[in-house]
């Protein structure tokens, strides 16, 4: 068993005499860093927190947007003596992660595997839809896509006993366009869908025959009525019931959809699978049966870095990192902290690229799983653009509310500065006034009143130091912590972060 104390200090917030520290407990409540371009958010507070986490023995997952992020983390690990703990998952590298095989082991196969795979694939696909302002708010498209994925995955399992990206793609691509096409292709027997369908039917028939043969002769004779036979069969042979649902879905529902409606659903699902079939992604996530890296490695103190920077690999790089991130998050949620209490971090610079619909739910319980989420982004509009749909602003505010510590660096974005100012809050300031009266007698009086104003006005964030030679490599930022006082009864503090900080 490890021994990580939640009250272990990580960052000193004030003078040692006040004994005020930002601790591991605060870390696992989540961190959001905001700052404009060139504000020093990554090289200042981001760099310091990364080095502190590594020095404290955290495991972690790092997602990448810029090509130089890999080298930054190589340097961080060298400076903290953690080079042997860095695992880089990248094109042409020595590591791979077969997410289908991993989910098969985690789920134990069967319906649980289908549920989990649909959950993973849907989360990634919908993250892309929301960023592209797609159909994220229309329940019809979500339901239709869910049903297609469920039935294609179930058909693949019934036919071949396993799920492979190639099979899923080929089946999805060759679903007949109409009922007449279904009959024609069945006669020709040349299409992947028909081959899978017929193979699944044969496998189920074998199970049906075995079940029927196992019944006593008297019982067999009582099942001469077709309806009685089917009712008992569907209860006794789960795969027969499943195959009936698959048959009904394709014949009665999906194939009969209008061309336009069906083409959109086909394109979303097949398009996503197609990207997974292309190298380097296929070699990294699908080709090899055995994975050399799994999410559990983070719990053993490894730092997994996915070197598929979005600026280089664009949508496929983003989708694959969200896929790994979501599987990693679910694994962390299942951990037993009584047996392994090592804190782990989820790190994403330009984090708006990796947001998905389950993030708020995950963050709500991340503390109990000892996961420190560190998201770095320029401003609120970045998140709002990524978390699309009609409720984008509310989704962003809800998500940010789950991150306990926020650091605000220099920024020219009005929305972000207003949010930071409102978050820090208001305070009463004393206001004095003099009154002089000239009449028969001269009189003078003084008054004092209390005025409620923002503690830190929005324009203050524009003037914060941004590091570099002109600022002696010091970066300024406001740290806000929910719930706890930071300094002199306040829950915020203005801090300096050294860009040349050494652990």
Protein backbone atom coordinates (compact mmCIF):
# COMPACT_ATOMS: atom_id res chain seq x y z
CA UNK A 1 0.00 0.00 0.00
CA UNK A 2 1.25 3.50 -0.85
CA UNK A 3 1.17 6.34 1.66
CA UNK A 4 0.19 9.70 0.22
CA UNK A 5 -1.10 12.21 2.75
CA UNK A 6 -3.85 14.46 1.36
CA UNK A 7 -2.54 17.28 3.56
CA UNK A 8 0.95 17.03 2.07
CA UNK A 9 1.99 20.58 1.00
CA UNK A 10 2.67 21.09 -2.70
CA UNK A 11 2.83 24.87 -3.11
CA UNK A 12 3.58 27.51 -0.45
CA UNK A 13 0.99 30.28 -0.78
CA UNK A 14 2.21 32.73 1.86
CA UNK A 15 5.02 33.22 4.35
CA UNK A 16 6.12 30.09 6.25
CA UNK A 17 4.98 31.70 9.52
CA UNK A 18 1.38 31.56 8.33
CA UNK A 19 1.76 27.89 7.40
CA UNK A 20 -0.62 28.29 4.48
CA UNK A 21 -0.12 25.79 1.70
CA UNK A 22 -1.81 24.46 -1.38
CA UNK A 23 -1.93 20.74 -0.66
CA UNK A 24 -2.49 17.42 -2.37
CA UNK A 25 -6.09 17.65 -1.18
CA UNK A 26 -6.54 20.87 -3.14
CA UNK A 27 -4.80 19.34 -6.16
CA UNK A 28 -7.29 16.50 -6.48
CA UNK A 29 -10.15 19.01 -6.46
CA UNK A 30 -9.01 20.11 -9.92
CA UNK A 31 -7.16 23.06 -11.45
CA UNK A 32 -8.13 25.44 -14.26
CA UNK A 33 -5.54 27.89 -15.60
CA UNK A 34 -6.59 30.80 -17.83
CA UNK A 35 -4.29 33.18 -19.68
CA UNK A 36 -4.05 34.92 -23.02
CA UNK A 37 -1.45 34.26 -25.70
CA UNK A 38 2.01 34.91 -24.26
CA UNK A 39 0.69 35.34 -20.72
CA UNK A 40 3.01 32.69 -19.27
CA UNK A 41 0.23 30.31 -18.26
CA UNK A 42 2.11 27.26 -19.52
CA UNK A 43 5.65 28.36 -18.74
CA UNK A 44 4.69 29.91 -15.39
CA UNK A 45 2.03 28.29 -13.20
CA UNK A 46 1.60 25.31 -15.54
CA UNK A 47 5.28 24.43 -15.50
CA UNK A 48 5.56 24.82 -11.73
CA UNK A 49 2.53 22.61 -11.03
CA UNK A 50 3.78 19.93 -13.45
CA UNK A 51 7.18 19.80 -11.74
CA UNK A 52 5.58 19.77 -8.28
CA UNK A 53 3.33 16.85 -9.25
CA UNK A 54 6.20 14.86 -10.70
CA UNK A 55 8.37 15.52 -7.66
CA UNK A 56 5.53 14.35 -5.39
CA UNK A 57 5.30 10.99 -7.20
CA UNK A 58 2.09 11.48 -9.19
CA UNK A 59 1.24 9.21 -12.11
CA UNK A 60 -0.61 10.81 -14.98
CA UNK A 61 -1.94 11.22 -18.50
CA UNK A 62 -0.80 14.05 -20.77
CA UNK A 63 -2.75 15.08 -23.87
CA UNK A 64 -1.03 17.14 -26.54
CA UNK A 65 -2.00 19.93 -28.93
CA UNK A 66 1.37 21.41 -29.91
CA UNK A 67 4.27 19.38 -31.34
CA UNK A 68 6.74 20.67 -28.73
CA UNK A 69 4.80 19.39 -25.72
CA UNK A 70 6.50 16.00 -25.78
CA UNK A 71 9.92 17.60 -25.36
CA UNK A 72 8.63 19.78 -22.52
CA UNK A 73 7.53 16.70 -20.59
CA UNK A 74 10.76 14.88 -21.37
CA UNK A 75 12.54 17.85 -19.77
CA UNK A 76 10.16 17.91 -16.78
CA UNK A 77 10.76 14.22 -16.11
CA UNK A 78 14.53 14.63 -16.39
CA UNK A 79 14.51 17.51 -13.91
CA UNK A 80 12.52 15.50 -11.36
CA UNK A 81 14.25 12.14 -11.82
CA UNK A 82 11.16 10.60 -13.45
CA UNK A 83 12.52 9.83 -16.95
CA UNK A 84 12.01 6.09 -16.50
CA UNK A 85 8.35 6.69 -15.68
CA UNK A 86 7.52 8.49 -18.95
CA UNK A 87 5.62 6.36 -21.50
CA UNK A 88 5.16 8.00 -24.91
CA UNK A 89 2.38 6.59 -27.08
CA UNK A 90 3.14 7.89 -30.57
CA UNK A 91 3.28 6.95 -34.27
CA UNK A 92 6.21 4.63 -34.98
CA UNK A 93 6.87 4.18 -31.27
CA UNK A 94 7.27 0.97 -29.30
CA UNK A 95 3.97 1.26 -27.44
CA UNK A 96 0.37 0.55 -28.45
CA UNK A 97 -3.04 0.37 -26.83
CA UNK A 98 -5.78 -1.86 -28.30
CA UNK A 99 -8.87 -0.25 -26.84
CA UNK A 100 -11.22 -2.96 -28.14
CA UNK A 101 -9.20 -5.76 -26.55
CA UNK A 102 -8.88 -3.73 -23.35
CA UNK A 103 -12.62 -3.12 -23.13
CA UNK A 104 -13.29 -6.80 -23.84
CA UNK A 105 -11.22 -7.79 -20.81
CA UNK A 106 -12.72 -5.08 -18.61
CA UNK A 107 -16.29 -5.91 -19.64
CA UNK A 108 -16.04 -9.68 -19.72
CA UNK A 109 -17.65 -9.80 -23.20
CA UNK A 110 -21.32 -10.04 -24.09
CA UNK A 111 -23.80 -7.25 -23.56
CA UNK A 112 -21.53 -5.45 -21.09
CA UNK A 113 -18.89 -5.09 -23.81
CA UNK A 114 -21.44 -3.67 -26.23
CA UNK A 115 -22.67 -1.17 -23.64
CA UNK A 116 -19.14 -0.04 -22.83
CA UNK A 117 -18.01 0.23 -26.44
CA UNK A 118 -21.09 2.21 -27.42
CA UNK A 119 -20.51 4.51 -24.46
CA UNK A 120 -16.87 5.10 -25.45
CA UNK A 121 -17.51 5.56 -29.18
CA UNK A 122 -20.55 7.77 -28.62
CA UNK A 123 -18.66 10.01 -26.19
CA UNK A 124 -15.89 10.60 -28.72
CA UNK A 125 -18.25 11.10 -31.66
CA UNK A 126 -20.47 13.53 -29.75
CA UNK A 127 -17.44 15.50 -28.58
CA UNK A 128 -16.66 16.07 -32.25
CA UNK A 129 -20.27 16.97 -33.06
CA UNK A 130 -20.44 19.56 -30.31
CA UNK A 131 -17.17 21.18 -31.35
CA UNK A 132 -18.42 21.34 -34.92
CA UNK A 133 -21.86 22.57 -33.80
CA UNK A 134 -23.37 19.32 -35.00
CA UNK A 135 -26.54 17.55 -33.91
CA UNK A 136 -25.62 17.31 -30.25
CA UNK A 137 -28.95 18.72 -29.05
CA UNK A 138 -31.25 16.60 -31.26
CA UNK A 139 -32.32 13.39 -29.48
CA UNK A 140 -33.37 11.69 -32.75
CA UNK A 141 -29.84 11.63 -34.15
CA UNK A 142 -28.38 10.49 -30.85
CA UNK A 143 -30.89 7.64 -30.53
CA UNK A 144 -30.51 6.57 -34.16
CA UNK A 145 -26.72 6.53 -33.89
CA UNK A 146 -26.86 4.60 -30.61
CA UNK A 147 -29.10 1.92 -32.12
CA UNK A 148 -26.87 1.53 -35.17
CA UNK A 149 -23.76 1.13 -33.02
CA UNK A 150 -25.44 -1.32 -30.63
CA UNK A 151 -26.68 -3.55 -33.42
CA UNK A 152 -23.52 -3.51 -35.53
CA UNK A 153 -21.40 -4.38 -32.49
CA UNK A 154 -23.83 -7.10 -31.38
CA UNK A 155 -23.89 -8.56 -34.90
CA UNK A 156 -20.11 -8.58 -35.01
CA UNK A 157 -19.93 -10.39 -31.67
CA UNK A 158 -22.54 -12.99 -32.61
CA UNK A 159 -20.84 -13.70 -35.93
CA UNK A 160 -17.16 -13.69 -34.97
CA UNK A 161 -17.04 -13.91 -31.18
CA UNK A 162 -15.05 -10.68 -30.95
CA UNK A 163 -15.15 -7.07 -32.07
CA UNK A 164 -12.65 -5.62 -34.54
CA UNK A 165 -12.59 -2.21 -36.17
CA UNK A 166 -12.26 -3.71 -39.67
CA UNK A 167 -15.35 -5.87 -39.16
CA UNK A 168 -17.39 -3.02 -37.71
CA UNK A 169 -16.49 -0.76 -40.62
CA UNK A 170 -17.15 -3.39 -43.30
CA UNK A 171 -20.52 -4.33 -41.81
CA UNK A 172 -21.60 -0.71 -41.45
CA UNK A 173 -20.53 0.09 -45.01
CA UNK A 174 -22.44 -2.78 -46.64
CA UNK A 175 -25.85 -2.61 -44.95
CA UNK A 176 -28.36 -2.93 -47.83
CA UNK A 177 -30.04 0.26 -49.00
CA UNK A 178 -33.50 -1.33 -49.25
CA UNK A 179 -35.34 -4.59 -48.61
CA UNK A 180 -34.96 -5.66 -52.24
CA UNK A 181 -31.22 -5.16 -51.91
CA UNK A 182 -31.25 -7.32 -48.81
CA UNK A 183 -32.79 -10.21 -50.77
CA UNK A 184 -30.45 -9.75 -53.75
CA UNK A 185 -27.36 -9.58 -51.61
CA UNK A 186 -28.51 -12.60 -49.63
CA UNK A 187 -28.64 -14.58 -52.86
CA UNK A 188 -25.29 -13.31 -54.05
CA UNK A 189 -23.70 -13.79 -50.63
CA UNK A 190 -20.89 -11.37 -51.41
CA UNK A 191 -21.38 -8.53 -48.93
CA UNK A 192 -19.79 -8.25 -45.50
CA UNK A 193 -23.10 -7.45 -43.84
CA UNK A 194 -24.76 -10.53 -45.30
CA UNK A 195 -21.80 -12.75 -44.39
CA UNK A 196 -21.87 -11.52 -40.81
CA UNK A 197 -25.66 -11.87 -40.66
CA UNK A 198 -25.64 -15.44 -41.99
CA UNK A 199 -22.72 -16.46 -39.78
CA UNK A 200 -24.49 -15.05 -36.73
CA UNK A 201 -27.66 -16.89 -37.69
CA UNK A 202 -25.75 -20.18 -38.04
CA UNK A 203 -24.07 -19.70 -34.66
CA UNK A 204 -27.38 -18.97 -32.98
CA UNK A 205 -29.04 -21.96 -34.69
CA UNK A 206 -26.34 -24.23 -33.27
CA UNK A 207 -27.13 -22.92 -29.77
CA UNK A 208 -30.86 -23.38 -30.40
CA UNK A 209 -30.36 -26.97 -31.54
CA UNK A 210 -28.20 -27.72 -28.51
CA UNK A 211 -30.82 -26.25 -26.20
CA UNK A 212 -33.67 -28.18 -27.83
CA UNK A 213 -31.69 -31.43 -27.77
CA UNK A 214 -31.06 -30.99 -24.06
CA UNK A 215 -34.81 -30.97 -23.30
CA UNK A 216 -36.62 -34.16 -22.29
CA UNK A 217 -38.57 -35.78 -25.14
CA UNK A 218 -41.88 -35.05 -23.43
CA UNK A 219 -40.95 -31.39 -23.17
CA UNK A 220 -39.98 -31.29 -26.85
CA UNK A 221 -43.36 -32.68 -27.79
CA UNK A 222 -45.11 -29.96 -25.79
CA UNK A 223 -43.35 -27.30 -27.86
CA UNK A 224 -44.99 -28.16 -31.19
CA UNK A 225 -46.85 -24.87 -31.22
CA UNK A 226 -44.65 -22.28 -32.96
CA UNK A 227 -45.53 -19.44 -30.59
CA UNK A 228 -44.86 -21.51 -27.47
CA UNK A 229 -41.57 -22.69 -28.94
CA UNK A 230 -40.42 -19.14 -29.72
CA UNK A 231 -41.41 -17.75 -26.32
CA UNK A 232 -39.51 -20.43 -24.44
CA UNK A 233 -36.58 -20.28 -26.86
CA UNK A 234 -36.09 -16.54 -26.42
CA UNK A 235 -36.03 -16.97 -22.65
CA UNK A 236 -33.66 -19.94 -22.69
CA UNK A 237 -31.17 -18.80 -25.35
CA UNK A 238 -30.17 -15.12 -24.83
CA UNK A 239 -28.34 -14.92 -28.16
CA UNK A 240 -31.50 -16.00 -30.00
CA UNK A 241 -33.33 -13.09 -28.41
CA UNK A 242 -30.47 -10.77 -29.29
CA UNK A 243 -30.41 -11.94 -32.91
CA UNK A 244 -34.14 -11.34 -33.19
CA UNK A 245 -33.63 -7.73 -32.08
CA UNK A 246 -30.82 -7.30 -34.62
CA UNK A 247 -33.00 -8.70 -37.39
CA UNK A 248 -35.90 -6.43 -36.45
CA UNK A 249 -33.69 -3.34 -36.27
CA UNK A 250 -32.14 -3.72 -39.71
CA UNK A 251 -35.19 -5.06 -41.56
CA UNK A 252 -37.94 -3.01 -39.94
CA UNK A 253 -36.17 0.18 -38.84
CA UNK A 254 -32.82 1.07 -40.32
CA UNK A 255 -33.08 -0.15 -43.92
CA UNK A 256 -36.44 1.57 -44.29
CA UNK A 257 -35.10 5.02 -43.32
CA UNK A 258 -35.09 7.71 -45.99
CA UNK A 259 -31.87 8.03 -47.95
CA UNK A 260 -30.98 11.45 -46.53
CA UNK A 261 -31.59 10.49 -42.91
CA UNK A 262 -29.76 7.22 -43.18
CA UNK A 263 -26.80 8.68 -45.06
CA UNK A 264 -26.14 11.15 -42.22
CA UNK A 265 -26.17 8.39 -39.58
CA UNK A 266 -24.02 6.13 -41.78
CA UNK A 267 -21.53 8.91 -42.40
CA UNK A 268 -21.09 9.77 -38.72
CA UNK A 269 -20.43 6.19 -37.64
CA UNK A 270 -18.51 4.95 -40.68
CA UNK A 271 -16.48 8.14 -40.90
CA UNK A 272 -15.27 7.73 -37.34
CA UNK A 273 -14.36 4.05 -37.89
CA UNK A 274 -12.61 4.93 -41.15
CA UNK A 275 -10.22 7.28 -39.33
CA UNK A 276 -9.33 4.52 -36.88
CA UNK A 277 -8.44 2.24 -39.80
CA UNK A 278 -5.80 4.59 -41.16
CA UNK A 279 -2.21 4.56 -39.98
CA UNK A 280 -0.64 5.67 -37.75
CA UNK A 281 -3.80 5.44 -35.64
CA UNK A 282 -4.59 1.86 -36.65
CA UNK A 283 -1.16 0.61 -35.55
CA UNK A 284 -1.38 2.50 -32.26
CA UNK A 285 -4.92 1.59 -31.22
CA UNK A 286 -6.26 -1.36 -33.22
CA UNK A 287 -3.73 -3.66 -34.91
CA UNK A 288 -1.95 -5.42 -32.05
CA UNK A 289 -3.87 -7.82 -29.84
CA UNK A 290 -1.73 -7.16 -26.77
CA UNK A 291 -1.37 -3.63 -25.40
CA UNK A 292 2.00 -2.46 -24.11
CA UNK A 293 0.42 0.44 -22.21
CA UNK A 294 -2.88 0.60 -20.32
CA UNK A 295 -4.54 3.23 -18.10
CA UNK A 296 -3.53 1.21 -15.03
CA UNK A 297 0.10 2.20 -15.70
CA UNK A 298 -0.70 5.65 -14.29
CA UNK A 299 -1.64 4.02 -10.99
CA UNK A 300 1.83 2.48 -10.92
CA UNK A 301 3.40 5.92 -11.20
CA UNK A 302 3.84 6.10 -14.97
CA UNK A 303 3.19 9.27 -16.96
CA UNK A 304 1.45 8.37 -20.23
CA UNK A 305 1.91 11.00 -22.93
CA UNK A 306 -0.10 10.65 -26.15
CA UNK A 307 2.01 12.28 -28.83
CA UNK A 308 -0.69 12.86 -31.44
CA UNK A 309 -0.65 16.67 -31.32
CA UNK A 310 -3.85 18.19 -32.65
CA UNK A 311 -1.90 20.81 -34.59
CA UNK A 312 -0.28 17.99 -36.57
CA UNK A 313 -2.92 15.24 -36.69
CA UNK A 314 -6.01 17.45 -36.45
CA UNK A 315 -9.36 15.68 -35.93
CA UNK A 316 -8.06 12.12 -35.78
CA UNK A 317 -5.42 13.13 -33.24
CA UNK A 318 -8.06 14.83 -31.15
CA UNK A 319 -10.54 11.93 -31.38
CA UNK A 320 -7.96 9.32 -30.41
CA UNK A 321 -6.81 11.33 -27.41
CA UNK A 322 -10.40 11.83 -26.23
CA UNK A 323 -10.96 8.08 -26.66
CA UNK A 324 -7.95 7.21 -24.50
CA UNK A 325 -8.80 9.97 -22.03
CA UNK A 326 -12.35 8.70 -21.47
CA UNK A 327 -11.24 5.08 -21.02
CA UNK A 328 -8.53 6.33 -18.63
CA UNK A 329 -11.08 8.35 -16.67
CA UNK A 330 -13.38 5.34 -16.28
CA UNK A 331 -10.46 3.24 -15.08
CA UNK A 332 -9.48 5.84 -12.49
CA UNK A 333 -13.06 5.95 -11.22
CA UNK A 334 -12.97 2.19 -10.58
CA UNK A 335 -9.72 2.25 -8.61
CA UNK A 336 -9.61 1.11 -4.98
CA UNK A 337 -7.83 3.93 -3.13
CA UNK A 338 -7.57 1.78 -0.01
CA UNK A 339 -5.12 -0.45 -1.91
CA UNK A 340 -3.45 2.21 -4.06
CA UNK A 341 -3.76 5.85 -3.00
CA UNK A 342 -1.23 7.30 -5.42
CA UNK A 343 -2.53 10.62 -6.82
CA UNK A 344 -2.67 10.89 -10.60
CA UNK A 345 -3.13 13.86 -12.88
CA UNK A 346 -4.96 14.45 -16.15
CA UNK A 347 -3.08 17.18 -18.00
CA UNK A 348 -4.34 19.09 -21.03
CA UNK A 349 -2.93 22.34 -22.37
CA UNK A 350 -5.36 24.03 -24.78
CA UNK A 351 -7.88 21.84 -22.98
CA UNK A 352 -10.87 22.98 -25.03
CA UNK A 353 -9.73 20.49 -27.66
CA UNK A 354 -10.37 17.52 -25.36
CA UNK A 355 -13.61 18.34 -23.57
CA UNK A 356 -16.40 15.77 -23.78
CA UNK A 357 -19.90 15.47 -22.33
CA UNK A 358 -18.89 13.23 -19.41
CA UNK A 359 -16.20 15.55 -18.02
CA UNK A 360 -18.42 17.31 -15.48
CA UNK A 361 -19.67 13.97 -14.11
CA UNK A 362 -16.12 12.66 -13.85
CA UNK A 363 -14.82 15.77 -12.15
CA UNK A 364 -17.60 15.62 -9.57
CA UNK A 365 -16.06 12.40 -8.19
CA UNK A 366 -12.40 12.91 -9.18
CA UNK A 367 -11.43 13.90 -5.65
CA UNK A 368 -12.47 10.55 -4.20
CA UNK A 369 -10.51 8.85 -6.98
CA UNK A 370 -7.48 11.06 -6.25
CA UNK A 371 -7.33 12.48 -9.76
CA UNK A 372 -6.03 15.99 -10.25
CA UNK A 373 -7.42 17.43 -13.47
CA UNK A 374 -5.27 20.29 -14.79
CA UNK A 375 -6.85 22.12 -17.73
CA UNK A 376 -5.13 25.09 -19.35
CA UNK A 377 -6.92 27.34 -21.82
CA UNK A 378 -6.85 30.92 -23.05
CA UNK A 379 -10.39 31.98 -22.25
CA UNK A 380 -14.03 31.08 -21.66
CA UNK A 381 -15.11 31.50 -25.31
CA UNK A 382 -12.72 28.68 -26.25
CA UNK A 383 -14.71 26.33 -24.04
CA UNK A 384 -18.03 27.66 -25.22
CA UNK A 385 -17.06 27.10 -28.85
CA UNK A 386 -16.03 23.51 -28.06
CA UNK A 387 -19.02 22.64 -25.89
CA UNK A 388 -21.53 23.57 -28.56
CA UNK A 389 -25.29 23.29 -28.65
CA UNK A 390 -27.94 25.58 -27.22
CA UNK A 391 -26.77 25.19 -23.64
CA UNK A 392 -23.06 25.76 -24.29
CA UNK A 393 -22.58 28.58 -21.79
CA UNK A 394 -24.33 26.69 -19.01
CA UNK A 395 -22.31 23.55 -19.72
CA UNK A 396 -19.07 25.52 -19.44
CA UNK A 397 -20.03 27.27 -16.22
CA UNK A 398 -21.22 23.98 -14.74
CA UNK A 399 -17.99 22.24 -15.67
CA UNK A 400 -15.74 25.04 -14.36
CA UNK A 401 -17.63 24.91 -11.07
CA UNK A 402 -16.25 21.41 -10.49
CA UNK A 403 -12.62 22.62 -10.58
CA UNK A 404 -11.66 23.81 -7.11
CA UNK A 405 -8.61 25.94 -7.94
CA UNK A 406 -8.45 28.55 -10.68
CA UNK A 407 -5.45 30.60 -11.74
CA UNK A 408 -5.93 33.72 -13.86
CA UNK A 409 -3.00 35.20 -15.80
CA UNK A 410 -2.84 38.22 -18.09
CA UNK A 411 -5.78 38.22 -20.45
CA UNK A 412 -7.43 40.57 -22.92
CA UNK A 413 -10.66 38.58 -23.14
CA UNK A 414 -13.54 40.53 -21.60
CA UNK A 415 -15.68 37.48 -20.73
CA UNK A 416 -12.86 35.69 -18.93
CA UNK A 417 -11.75 38.78 -17.01
CA UNK A 418 -15.33 39.50 -15.97
CA UNK A 419 -15.75 35.88 -14.83
CA UNK A 420 -12.51 36.06 -12.81
CA UNK A 421 -13.50 39.37 -11.21
CA UNK A 422 -16.95 38.09 -10.25
CA UNK A 423 -15.49 34.84 -8.93
CA UNK A 424 -13.08 36.64 -6.60
CA UNK A 425 -16.05 38.71 -5.50
CA UNK A 426 -16.93 42.01 -3.87
CA UNK A 427 -15.81 43.70 -0.67
CA UNK A 428 -16.78 46.80 1.31
CA UNK A 429 -14.38 49.70 1.06
CA UNK A 430 -14.44 52.71 3.36
CA UNK A 431 -15.16 56.03 1.71
CA UNK A 432 -14.52 59.33 3.49
CA UNK A 433 -15.97 62.75 2.67
CA UNK A 434 -15.62 66.32 3.96
CA UNK A 435 -18.41 68.91 4.18
CA UNK A 436 -17.78 72.62 4.74
CA UNK A 437 -20.54 75.20 5.45
CA UNK A 438 -20.11 78.99 5.29
CA UNK A 439 -22.99 80.84 7.04
CA UNK A 440 -23.12 82.93 10.20
CA UNK A 441 -20.74 80.42 11.59
CA UNK A 442 -18.15 78.34 9.83
CA UNK A 443 -18.65 74.57 10.18
CA UNK A 444 -16.84 71.52 8.89
CA UNK A 445 -17.88 67.87 9.11
CA UNK A 446 -16.53 64.54 8.01
CA UNK A 447 -18.49 61.48 6.89
CA UNK A 448 -17.64 57.86 6.39
CA UNK A 449 -19.55 55.39 4.27
CA UNK A 450 -19.09 51.81 3.07
CA UNK A 451 -19.02 51.15 -0.65
CA UNK A 452 -19.35 47.66 -2.22
CA UNK A 453 -16.94 47.12 -5.12
CA UNK A 454 -15.13 44.37 -6.96
CA UNK A 455 -11.98 43.33 -5.12
CA UNK A 456 -10.16 42.86 -8.43
CA UNK A 457 -11.62 44.77 -11.32
CA UNK A 458 -11.69 43.08 -14.78
CA UNK A 459 -9.18 45.52 -16.27
CA UNK A 460 -6.61 44.50 -13.65
CA UNK A 461 -6.03 41.20 -15.45
CA UNK A 462 -4.87 42.98 -18.59
CA UNK A 463 -1.97 44.54 -16.68
CA UNK A 464 -0.50 41.40 -15.10
CA UNK A 465 3.14 40.62 -15.85
CA UNK A 466 3.69 38.07 -18.62
CA UNK A 467 7.24 36.88 -17.98
CA UNK A 468 10.14 36.99 -20.41
CA UNK A 469 13.30 39.12 -20.15
CA UNK A 470 11.33 42.35 -19.71
CA UNK A 471 9.78 40.96 -16.53
CA UNK A 472 12.87 39.10 -15.30
CA UNK A 473 11.02 35.87 -16.20
CA UNK A 474 8.35 36.40 -13.56
CA UNK A 475 4.69 35.74 -14.37
CA UNK A 476 1.84 37.20 -12.33
CA UNK A 477 -1.47 35.51 -11.68
CA UNK A 478 -4.39 35.41 -9.27
CA UNK A 479 -5.01 32.05 -7.58
CA UNK A 480 -8.57 31.47 -6.37
CA UNK A 481 -9.44 28.52 -4.18
CA UNK A 482 -12.98 27.56 -3.31
CA UNK A 483 -13.94 26.82 0.26
CA UNK A 484 -10.65 27.62 2.04
CA UNK A 485 -9.07 30.90 3.03
CA UNK A 486 -5.75 31.54 1.31
CA UNK A 487 -4.40 34.71 2.89
CA UNK A 488 -5.72 37.10 5.55
CA UNK A 489 -9.24 35.72 5.44
CA UNK A 490 -9.48 35.81 1.65
CA UNK A 491 -9.86 32.89 -0.75
CA UNK A 492 -7.59 34.41 -3.37
CA UNK A 493 -3.98 35.57 -3.62
CA UNK A 494 -1.91 37.40 -6.20
CA UNK A 495 1.18 35.32 -6.93
CA UNK A 496 4.44 35.39 -8.86
CA UNK A 497 5.51 32.31 -10.83
CA UNK A 498 9.12 31.86 -11.97
CA UNK A 499 9.53 30.70 -15.57
CA UNK A 500 12.96 29.33 -14.59
CA UNK A 501 11.62 27.49 -11.54
CA UNK A 502 13.67 24.44 -10.55
CA UNK A 503 12.23 21.66 -8.35
